[in-house]
Amino acid sequence: MKKFNHPLMVNNITLEDRINAANFIKNNKVFTQSKKVLEFEKKWSNWLGVKYSVFVNSGSSANFLTMTALKIIYGGGEIIVPPLTWSSDIVSVINNDFKPVFVDIQMKNLSMNSKEVIKKITKKTKAVFITHAQGFNGLSDDLLKFIKKRKIILIEDVCESHGATFKGKKLGTFGLASNFSFYYAHHLSTIEGGMVCTNNKKFYEIVRMLRGHGMLRESGNVNFEKRIIKKYKNLSPKFIFLYPGFNMRNNEISAVIGINQLKRLDINNRLRALNLKYFLEKLDKKIFFLEYDLIGNSNYAFPLILRSNNIKKRNKLEKIMNKFNIEFRRGNAGGGNQMRQPYIKNYVRGINIKKFKNVEHVHNFGYYIGNFPSLKKDKILKLAAILNSL
């Protein structure tokens, strides 16, 4: 009998992707950011439904550039954030001198509780930085109406939720800006990569400059560049560093892979969503939490959350998964409750972490395991049977 094995991801960079990349390398001489990057940005913008996109070297860089541009245009203040997210979301907030304000999650979508977000909004609130975790939608009508009325900026982290929707509209199109990750295991992969998306021209131009060392000539706005060159006559026109930026650019080869992957993204997303539905149908509802809001999802990875707060049961589950070579990550997105991580200790003093009951439960008793488009029903059935043996 073949040994059971279930990784987090398989074959996300296909042979076709590699052949396209190899042909590009063979027939071209420019591999740093150039025409293919622009082509990928335009095609991604069209697919998502926004005016502008900026291709960067990671989703983490997308987060950082978004928060830096936010500070440049709108100034400082408080940013409402979830404790269940990737570390770079929170790091991008604190490294740009914003104060993070945490709100507990809902179990149904692993995203912030909208009612609690509304309660936490004050005169100091600059933005709500929402994470659409694991392919679930985190938005609600109440939240969108409230922040619009109060003129609070919305930033969307869609790194794990490419193609997920709210009321038929793609996530990443509701706020001032949205961030995507193209890491290896994500819906679309450029090996390493990310995207900042927006409909705001000024925001777009600033992010472009920040991505390329903060240089004026990266803005893409000829008239703006002429005005600034005239203002700084004592500087070389090609070397005016307008903002304190870094090199967070991506390259032509990654763009070629991204363009090719975009062709199959919608089909892959449908397959991922169907896989999740079947997986949840086969799990034992007495053991695992199953009441997720599946409307508009584009599942990134299967959520696996124990109902009980039982450490012995948790340890037994991990033993079973290790025995059957089921790769897993405890804590779900970002390893669980970010408020427990060492880097954040100076920012959570005085906060009773135990009051964040849902994220604490996911932190201790939640996991994600692999979901990918090529996953077959018989494999999902076996996977569920192994997990149910707990």
Protein backbone atom coordinates (compact mmCIF):
# COMPACT_ATOMS: atom_id res chain seq x y z
CA MET A 1 0.00 0.00 0.00
CA LYS A 2 1.30 3.42 -0.95
CA LYS A 3 2.18 5.54 2.06
CA PHE A 4 -0.29 8.39 2.65
CA ASN A 5 1.17 11.85 2.14
CA HIS A 6 -0.52 15.24 2.07
CA PRO A 7 1.70 18.34 1.57
CA LEU A 8 0.59 21.95 1.81
CA MET A 9 1.08 22.45 -1.93
CA VAL A 10 2.18 20.51 -5.01
CA ASN A 11 3.24 21.65 -8.49
CA ASN A 12 2.19 25.29 -8.15
CA ILE A 13 4.85 26.27 -10.68
CA THR A 14 3.85 24.06 -13.61
CA LEU A 15 5.97 22.75 -16.46
CA GLU A 16 4.25 25.24 -18.77
CA ASP A 17 5.25 28.09 -16.42
CA ARG A 18 8.86 26.90 -16.47
CA ILE A 19 8.93 26.52 -20.26
CA ASN A 20 7.57 30.05 -20.70
CA ALA A 21 10.20 31.40 -18.30
CA ALA A 22 12.98 29.45 -20.05
CA ASN A 23 11.91 30.72 -23.50
CA PHE A 24 11.87 34.26 -22.19
CA ILE A 25 15.39 33.90 -20.77
CA LYS A 26 16.58 32.38 -24.06
CA ASN A 27 15.15 35.14 -26.26
CA ASN A 28 15.60 38.28 -24.17
CA LYS A 29 18.42 40.27 -22.60
CA VAL A 30 16.63 42.46 -20.04
CA PHE A 31 15.52 40.61 -16.91
CA THR A 32 15.16 43.37 -14.35
CA GLN A 33 11.86 45.28 -14.07
CA SER A 34 10.73 46.29 -17.56
CA LYS A 35 7.98 45.62 -20.15
CA LYS A 36 6.78 42.26 -18.78
CA VAL A 37 6.34 43.72 -15.30
CA LEU A 38 4.14 46.46 -16.78
CA GLU A 39 2.20 43.87 -18.79
CA PHE A 40 1.58 41.75 -15.70
CA GLU A 41 0.48 44.81 -13.71
CA LYS A 42 -2.04 45.79 -16.40
CA LYS A 43 -3.42 42.27 -16.79
CA TRP A 44 -3.72 41.87 -13.02
CA SER A 45 -5.53 45.21 -12.74
CA ASN A 46 -7.98 44.12 -15.44
CA TRP A 47 -8.57 40.78 -13.74
CA LEU A 48 -9.11 42.34 -10.31
CA GLY A 49 -11.07 45.38 -11.47
CA VAL A 50 -8.85 48.28 -10.39
CA LYS A 51 -7.07 51.08 -12.26
CA TYR A 52 -3.54 50.57 -10.96
CA SER A 53 -1.29 47.77 -9.72
CA VAL A 54 2.35 47.76 -8.63
CA PHE A 55 4.29 44.47 -8.80
CA VAL A 56 6.72 44.07 -5.90
CA ASN A 57 9.04 41.37 -4.53
CA SER A 58 6.67 40.03 -1.83
CA GLY A 59 3.32 40.41 -0.11
CA SER A 60 5.23 41.71 2.91
CA SER A 61 6.72 44.48 0.77
CA ALA A 62 3.23 45.26 -0.51
CA ASN A 63 2.08 45.69 3.10
CA PHE A 64 5.02 47.93 3.98
CA LEU A 65 4.74 50.15 0.91
CA THR A 66 1.00 50.56 1.44
CA MET A 67 1.45 51.70 5.05
CA THR A 68 4.32 54.04 4.08
CA ALA A 69 2.25 55.65 1.31
CA LEU A 70 -0.68 55.93 3.73
CA LYS A 71 1.50 57.82 6.21
CA ILE A 72 2.93 60.13 3.53
CA ILE A 73 -0.49 61.14 2.21
CA TYR A 74 -2.70 61.05 5.31
CA GLY A 75 -0.38 61.27 8.33
CA GLY A 76 -0.25 59.11 11.46
CA GLY A 77 -2.79 57.72 13.90
CA GLU A 78 -4.27 54.38 14.87
CA ILE A 79 -4.80 51.42 12.56
CA ILE A 80 -7.33 48.74 13.49
CA VAL A 81 -5.82 45.32 12.81
CA PRO A 82 -6.65 41.64 13.37
CA PRO A 83 -4.54 39.46 15.68
CA LEU A 84 -4.88 36.60 13.16
CA THR A 85 -2.78 37.69 10.20
CA TRP A 86 0.74 37.51 8.85
CA SER A 87 3.39 39.32 10.92
CA SER A 88 4.23 41.78 8.13
CA ASP A 89 0.77 43.34 8.38
CA ILE A 90 1.42 44.38 11.96
CA VAL A 91 5.11 45.13 11.39
CA SER A 92 4.23 47.45 8.49
CA VAL A 93 1.90 49.33 10.84
CA ILE A 94 4.34 49.77 13.74
CA ASN A 95 7.38 50.47 11.52
CA ASN A 96 5.47 53.37 9.98
CA ASP A 97 4.72 54.78 13.44
CA PHE A 98 1.03 53.90 13.47
CA LYS A 99 -0.48 52.46 16.63
CA PRO A 100 -2.06 49.01 16.12
CA VAL A 101 -5.49 48.52 17.71
CA PHE A 102 -6.46 44.85 17.83
CA VAL A 103 -9.94 43.39 17.30
CA ASP A 104 -10.85 39.74 17.85
CA ILE A 105 -11.89 37.53 14.94
CA GLN A 106 -15.09 35.69 14.08
CA MET A 107 -14.90 31.93 13.74
CA LYS A 108 -17.12 31.87 10.65
CA ASN A 109 -14.55 33.66 8.46
CA LEU A 110 -11.40 34.02 10.62
CA SER A 111 -11.55 37.77 10.04
CA MET A 112 -12.23 40.67 12.40
CA ASN A 113 -15.64 40.97 14.01
CA SER A 114 -17.21 43.94 12.20
CA LYS A 115 -19.27 45.01 15.23
CA GLU A 116 -16.15 45.09 17.39
CA VAL A 117 -14.25 47.04 14.73
CA ILE A 118 -16.96 49.70 14.76
CA LYS A 119 -16.76 49.90 18.57
CA LYS A 120 -12.98 50.45 18.44
CA ILE A 121 -13.12 53.32 15.94
CA THR A 122 -12.25 56.70 17.52
CA LYS A 123 -11.13 60.15 16.37
CA LYS A 124 -7.58 58.76 16.26
CA THR A 125 -8.47 55.96 13.83
CA LYS A 126 -6.77 56.48 10.48
CA ALA A 127 -7.63 53.18 8.82
CA VAL A 128 -9.01 49.68 9.15
CA PHE A 129 -6.49 47.12 7.86
CA ILE A 130 -8.57 44.01 7.28
CA THR A 131 -7.18 40.55 6.52
CA HIS A 132 -9.29 38.26 4.36
CA ALA A 133 -7.86 35.05 5.82
CA GLN A 134 -7.60 31.73 3.98
CA GLY A 135 -9.92 32.66 1.13
CA PHE A 136 -12.82 33.92 3.28
CA ASN A 137 -14.49 37.30 2.89
CA GLY A 138 -14.09 39.54 5.95
CA LEU A 139 -16.31 42.46 4.89
CA SER A 140 -19.87 43.33 5.90
CA ASP A 141 -22.37 45.98 4.82
CA ASP A 142 -22.42 47.48 8.31
CA LEU A 143 -18.66 47.94 8.37
CA LEU A 144 -18.47 49.45 4.88
CA LYS A 145 -21.31 51.87 5.58
CA PHE A 146 -19.84 52.96 8.93
CA ILE A 147 -16.30 53.62 7.74
CA LYS A 148 -17.60 55.47 4.68
CA LYS A 149 -19.72 57.70 6.93
CA ARG A 150 -16.81 58.34 9.29
CA LYS A 151 -14.31 58.76 6.40
CA ILE A 152 -12.11 55.94 7.71
CA ILE A 153 -9.69 54.47 5.18
CA LEU A 154 -9.98 50.77 4.35
CA ILE A 155 -6.89 48.72 3.44
CA GLU A 156 -7.41 45.08 2.39
CA ASP A 157 -4.91 42.27 2.86
CA VAL A 158 -5.95 39.74 0.22
CA CYS A 159 -2.71 37.74 0.29
CA GLU A 160 -4.55 34.47 1.01
CA SER A 161 -7.78 35.21 -0.86
CA HIS A 162 -7.17 35.89 -4.56
CA GLY A 163 -10.52 36.00 -6.35
CA ALA A 164 -12.73 35.79 -3.25
CA THR A 165 -15.78 38.04 -3.44
CA PHE A 166 -18.26 40.02 -1.34
CA LYS A 167 -21.67 40.36 -3.02
CA GLY A 168 -20.16 39.36 -6.35
CA LYS A 169 -17.36 41.93 -6.27
CA LYS A 170 -13.76 40.85 -5.85
CA LEU A 171 -12.03 41.49 -2.56
CA GLY A 172 -9.25 44.01 -3.01
CA THR A 173 -11.51 46.50 -4.79
CA PHE A 174 -13.36 47.96 -1.78
CA GLY A 175 -10.66 50.02 -0.05
CA LEU A 176 -8.12 52.71 -0.84
CA ALA A 177 -5.57 49.96 -1.47
CA SER A 178 -5.19 46.20 -1.35
CA ASN A 179 -2.23 43.87 -1.03
CA PHE A 180 -1.65 40.46 -2.59
CA SER A 181 1.04 37.83 -2.14
CA PHE A 182 2.32 35.55 -4.92
CA TYR A 183 4.31 33.24 -2.68
CA TYR A 184 4.79 29.63 -3.78
CA ALA A 185 1.71 28.09 -2.13
CA HIS A 186 -0.76 30.86 -2.97
CA HIS A 187 -3.51 30.88 -5.60
CA LEU A 188 -1.20 32.55 -8.09
CA SER A 189 2.54 32.25 -7.64
CA THR A 190 5.50 34.11 -9.11
CA ILE A 191 7.76 32.10 -6.74
CA GLU A 192 8.21 35.25 -4.63
CA GLY A 193 6.16 38.35 -5.29
CA GLY A 194 3.30 40.62 -4.37
CA MET A 195 1.05 43.39 -5.67
CA VAL A 196 -0.27 46.72 -4.39
CA CYS A 197 -3.58 47.67 -6.01
CA THR A 198 -5.52 50.94 -5.93
CA ASN A 199 -7.82 53.29 -7.86
CA ASN A 200 -6.06 56.35 -6.43
CA LYS A 201 -3.55 57.85 -8.90
CA LYS A 202 -1.52 59.73 -6.28
CA PHE A 203 -1.29 56.67 -4.07
CA TYR A 204 -0.20 54.59 -7.06
CA GLU A 205 2.55 57.01 -8.06
CA ILE A 206 3.94 57.22 -4.52
CA VAL A 207 4.00 53.41 -4.19
CA ARG A 208 5.84 53.19 -7.53
CA MET A 209 8.48 55.61 -6.27
CA LEU A 210 8.80 53.91 -2.87
CA ARG A 211 9.27 50.56 -4.63
CA GLY A 212 12.25 51.97 -6.57
CA HIS A 213 14.38 53.63 -3.86
CA GLY A 214 11.96 56.57 -3.60
CA MET A 215 13.25 57.91 -6.94
CA LEU A 216 11.24 60.50 -8.81
CA ARG A 217 11.80 58.84 -12.20
CA GLU A 218 9.86 55.77 -10.99
CA SER A 219 6.59 57.73 -10.62
CA GLY A 220 5.38 57.21 -14.19
CA ASN A 221 3.97 60.77 -14.24
CA VAL A 222 5.95 62.87 -16.74
CA ASN A 223 4.34 66.22 -15.86
CA PHE A 224 4.88 65.65 -12.14
CA GLU A 225 8.50 64.72 -12.77
CA LYS A 226 9.09 67.93 -14.77
CA ARG A 227 7.75 70.07 -11.92
CA ILE A 228 9.96 68.38 -9.32
CA ILE A 229 13.06 68.53 -11.55
CA LYS A 230 12.49 72.26 -11.96
CA LYS A 231 12.18 72.63 -8.19
CA TYR A 232 15.45 70.77 -7.46
CA LYS A 233 17.75 72.24 -10.12
CA ASN A 234 20.87 71.38 -8.10
CA LEU A 235 20.16 67.63 -8.40
CA SER A 236 20.71 65.24 -11.28
CA PRO A 237 17.25 64.72 -12.86
CA LYS A 238 17.73 60.96 -12.89
CA PHE A 239 18.69 60.83 -9.23
CA ILE A 240 16.11 62.74 -7.23
CA PHE A 241 15.18 60.63 -4.20
CA LEU A 242 11.83 62.17 -3.30
CA TYR A 243 10.86 59.68 -0.57
CA PRO A 244 12.80 57.37 1.80
CA GLY A 245 12.24 54.22 -0.24
CA PHE A 246 13.91 50.86 -0.76
CA ASN A 247 14.43 48.50 -3.69
CA MET A 248 11.30 46.33 -3.56
CA ARG A 249 11.01 45.77 -7.31
CA ASN A 250 10.37 42.41 -8.92
CA ASN A 251 11.74 41.12 -12.23
CA GLU A 252 10.73 40.15 -15.77
CA ILE A 253 10.99 36.38 -15.25
CA SER A 254 8.60 36.42 -12.29
CA ALA A 255 6.22 38.58 -14.34
CA VAL A 256 6.27 36.05 -17.18
CA ILE A 257 5.30 33.30 -14.73
CA GLY A 258 2.57 35.50 -13.26
CA ILE A 259 1.09 36.29 -16.68
CA ASN A 260 0.92 32.59 -17.50
CA GLN A 261 -0.58 31.67 -14.12
CA LEU A 262 -3.26 34.34 -14.44
CA LYS A 263 -4.77 32.37 -17.36
CA ARG A 264 -5.84 29.53 -15.05
CA LEU A 265 -6.49 31.46 -11.81
CA ASP A 266 -10.30 31.55 -12.06
CA ILE A 267 -10.56 27.81 -12.80
CA ASN A 268 -8.17 26.98 -9.96
CA ASN A 269 -10.14 29.15 -7.54
CA ARG A 270 -13.37 27.30 -8.37
CA LEU A 271 -11.63 23.97 -7.79
CA ARG A 272 -10.26 25.16 -4.44
CA ALA A 273 -13.74 26.26 -3.31
CA LEU A 274 -15.28 22.93 -4.34
CA ASN A 275 -12.52 21.05 -2.52
CA LEU A 276 -13.23 22.98 0.68
CA LYS A 277 -16.97 22.30 0.50
CA TYR A 278 -16.38 18.56 0.05
CA PHE A 279 -13.75 18.47 2.80
CA LEU A 280 -16.06 20.13 5.33
CA GLU A 281 -18.92 17.79 4.39
CA LYS A 282 -16.77 14.79 5.26
CA LEU A 283 -15.38 16.05 8.59
CA ASP A 284 -16.98 15.04 11.90
CA LYS A 285 -18.92 18.06 13.18
CA LYS A 286 -18.67 16.77 16.75
CA ILE A 287 -14.88 17.06 16.62
CA PHE A 288 -14.24 20.00 14.32
CA PHE A 289 -15.73 23.48 13.87
CA LEU A 290 -17.49 23.57 10.48
CA GLU A 291 -19.79 26.60 10.50
CA TYR A 292 -17.86 28.75 8.03
CA ASP A 293 -19.35 31.36 5.73
CA LEU A 294 -18.50 29.88 2.33
CA ILE A 295 -20.19 32.54 0.19
CA GLY A 296 -17.69 33.95 -2.30
CA ASN A 297 -14.73 32.01 -0.90
CA SER A 298 -11.60 31.06 -2.87
CA ASN A 299 -10.06 28.77 -0.28
CA TYR A 300 -6.31 28.98 0.23
CA ALA A 301 -5.93 26.09 2.69
CA PHE A 302 -8.31 23.84 4.60
CA PRO A 303 -9.09 25.25 8.07
CA LEU A 304 -9.06 22.56 10.74
CA ILE A 305 -10.21 23.79 14.14
CA LEU A 306 -11.01 21.58 17.11
CA ARG A 307 -14.22 22.38 18.94
CA SER A 308 -12.86 21.53 22.38
CA ASN A 309 -10.14 23.26 24.40
CA ASN A 310 -8.40 19.99 25.10
CA ILE A 311 -4.60 19.92 24.91
CA LYS A 312 -4.46 16.12 25.05
CA LYS A 313 -6.84 15.89 22.09
CA ARG A 314 -4.79 18.50 20.23
CA ASN A 315 -1.57 16.60 20.81
CA LYS A 316 -3.23 13.39 19.66
CA LEU A 317 -4.41 15.10 16.47
CA GLU A 318 -0.89 16.30 15.71
CA LYS A 319 0.43 12.80 16.35
CA ILE A 320 -2.08 11.40 13.84
CA MET A 321 -1.18 14.03 11.22
CA ASN A 322 2.53 13.36 11.66
CA LYS A 323 1.96 9.60 11.42
CA PHE A 324 0.16 9.97 8.07
CA ASN A 325 2.50 12.65 6.70
CA ILE A 326 -0.17 15.35 6.69
CA GLU A 327 1.69 18.65 6.61
CA PHE A 328 0.07 21.24 8.86
CA ARG A 329 0.55 24.66 10.43
CA ARG A 330 -0.83 25.27 13.90
CA GLY A 331 -2.53 28.61 14.52
CA ASN A 332 -3.75 29.10 10.94
CA ALA A 333 -2.70 32.40 9.29
CA GLY A 334 0.65 33.60 10.59
CA GLY A 335 0.88 31.01 13.35
CA GLY A 336 -2.05 32.26 15.41
CA ASN A 337 -2.39 35.23 17.73
CA GLN A 338 0.14 37.89 16.70
CA MET A 339 -0.25 39.54 20.11
CA ARG A 340 1.72 36.62 21.58
CA GLN A 341 4.75 37.15 19.34
CA PRO A 342 7.98 38.64 20.78
CA TYR A 343 8.20 41.57 18.33
CA ILE A 344 4.88 43.03 19.50
CA LYS A 345 5.37 42.90 23.28
CA ASN A 346 5.90 46.67 23.65
CA TYR A 347 2.63 47.37 21.84
CA VAL A 348 0.29 45.08 23.77
CA ARG A 349 1.14 46.07 27.32
CA GLY A 350 -2.01 46.44 29.37
CA ILE A 351 -4.06 44.30 26.97
CA ASN A 352 -5.64 41.16 28.41
CA ILE A 353 -4.93 38.75 25.56
CA LYS A 354 -7.20 36.10 27.08
CA LYS A 355 -10.21 38.31 26.34
CA PHE A 356 -9.61 37.69 22.63
CA LYS A 357 -11.32 34.32 22.93
CA ASN A 358 -11.72 33.35 19.28
CA VAL A 359 -8.18 34.07 18.15
CA GLU A 360 -6.89 32.40 21.31
CA HIS A 361 -8.84 29.27 20.46
CA VAL A 362 -7.52 29.24 16.90
CA HIS A 363 -4.02 29.94 18.19
CA ASN A 364 -4.08 26.84 20.40
CA PHE A 365 -6.48 24.48 18.62
CA GLY A 366 -6.56 25.58 14.98
CA TYR A 367 -4.60 24.47 11.92
CA TYR A 368 -4.52 24.74 8.20
CA ILE A 369 -3.66 21.90 5.85
CA GLY A 370 -3.12 21.78 2.11
CA ASN A 371 -5.73 22.50 -0.53
CA PHE A 372 -4.70 22.73 -4.18
CA PRO A 373 -6.47 22.54 -7.56
CA SER A 374 -5.20 19.07 -8.47
CA LEU A 375 -6.51 17.52 -5.23
CA LYS A 376 -8.98 14.68 -6.00
CA LYS A 377 -12.13 13.70 -4.10
CA ASP A 378 -10.85 10.26 -3.14
CA LYS A 379 -7.78 11.86 -1.53
CA ILE A 380 -9.97 14.33 0.37
CA LEU A 381 -12.16 11.43 1.56
CA LYS A 382 -9.13 9.56 2.91
CA LEU A 383 -7.80 12.73 4.50
CA ALA A 384 -11.10 13.36 6.30
CA ALA A 385 -11.29 9.73 7.49
CA ILE A 386 -7.81 9.99 9.01
CA LEU A 387 -8.68 13.23 10.80
CA ASN A 388 -12.02 11.87 12.01
CA SER A 389 -10.19 8.91 13.60
CA LEU A 390 -9.35 11.28 16.45
